[in-house]
């Protein structure tokens, strides 16, 4: 039985998808192209590394390419700005703009294609030729209510010897994975009030159970304490080596009412952390 060219292409794509797997110990698979203007839906690339039998790479090596011999004159070049650190990670604060430059790549037949998969989901967000060799992408870390946290993002970029939407085995690919490490900003959930005759500003993060105290209301917080979940009045429930500031037992009525209104209970301990 013979298949039409389109049926054969669809059949090859189905076989490649069934062969693909995932795992942190395996080399990263190259990216699939995203929706092109003339394509009704994203097309799965035949350049999936597992399907083409990518040779194993050293642990931690982010570089993956076809196991077959590269066509004559095919030389991929990867440049990125800013450069990764000694640990191989491109680091930024809550956001960072990264430029990926593959324009130094060469291919004798002039059919070089470039793929950029910003979130490493194996579907390219950008695929093209010519000036598409250089792309800039901004990575952002969402704010977190639990305090600053490290957010790790991955991007996969590939150079191919031809259109990756062609038949399996006809395209040689070379891909590099980049890791971007961002520091997620802390989202403020603090509720503040002025108490003790105007002598103190107290700011409480209910979700994190943190209280900050500004004596003199000068904008400088001299005390930061964790509020324990203990409700036994007079019983300290602070971690070892952490000093108890006080039980939640105060004569100042407005502060007492303020804490009760936030859902805290008598007996909660203030455990100094700064």
Foldseek 3Di string as FASTA:
>chain_A
DDDDQVVVLVVLQVVQVVQDDDDLQFAQWAAFEADDPVRPGGFQFLRTARNQPWDGDPRPAQKTWHPDDDPPWWDWDWDKPPAADPVQAAEDEQKDKMKIARPVTTAVVQAKKKFKAFQSPRYGPDIDHDPSRMDMDMDGHAAAQQAKDKDKGKMKMKIKNHPRSDHRPPIIMMMGMGIYIYIHGHDDQWDWDAFDVRQWIWIARLVNQKIFIDGRPPPDTPWIWHWAQDADAPDDDDDPPWDWPHWLDDPTVVVNVVCVVSPHHGRTTTTTDD
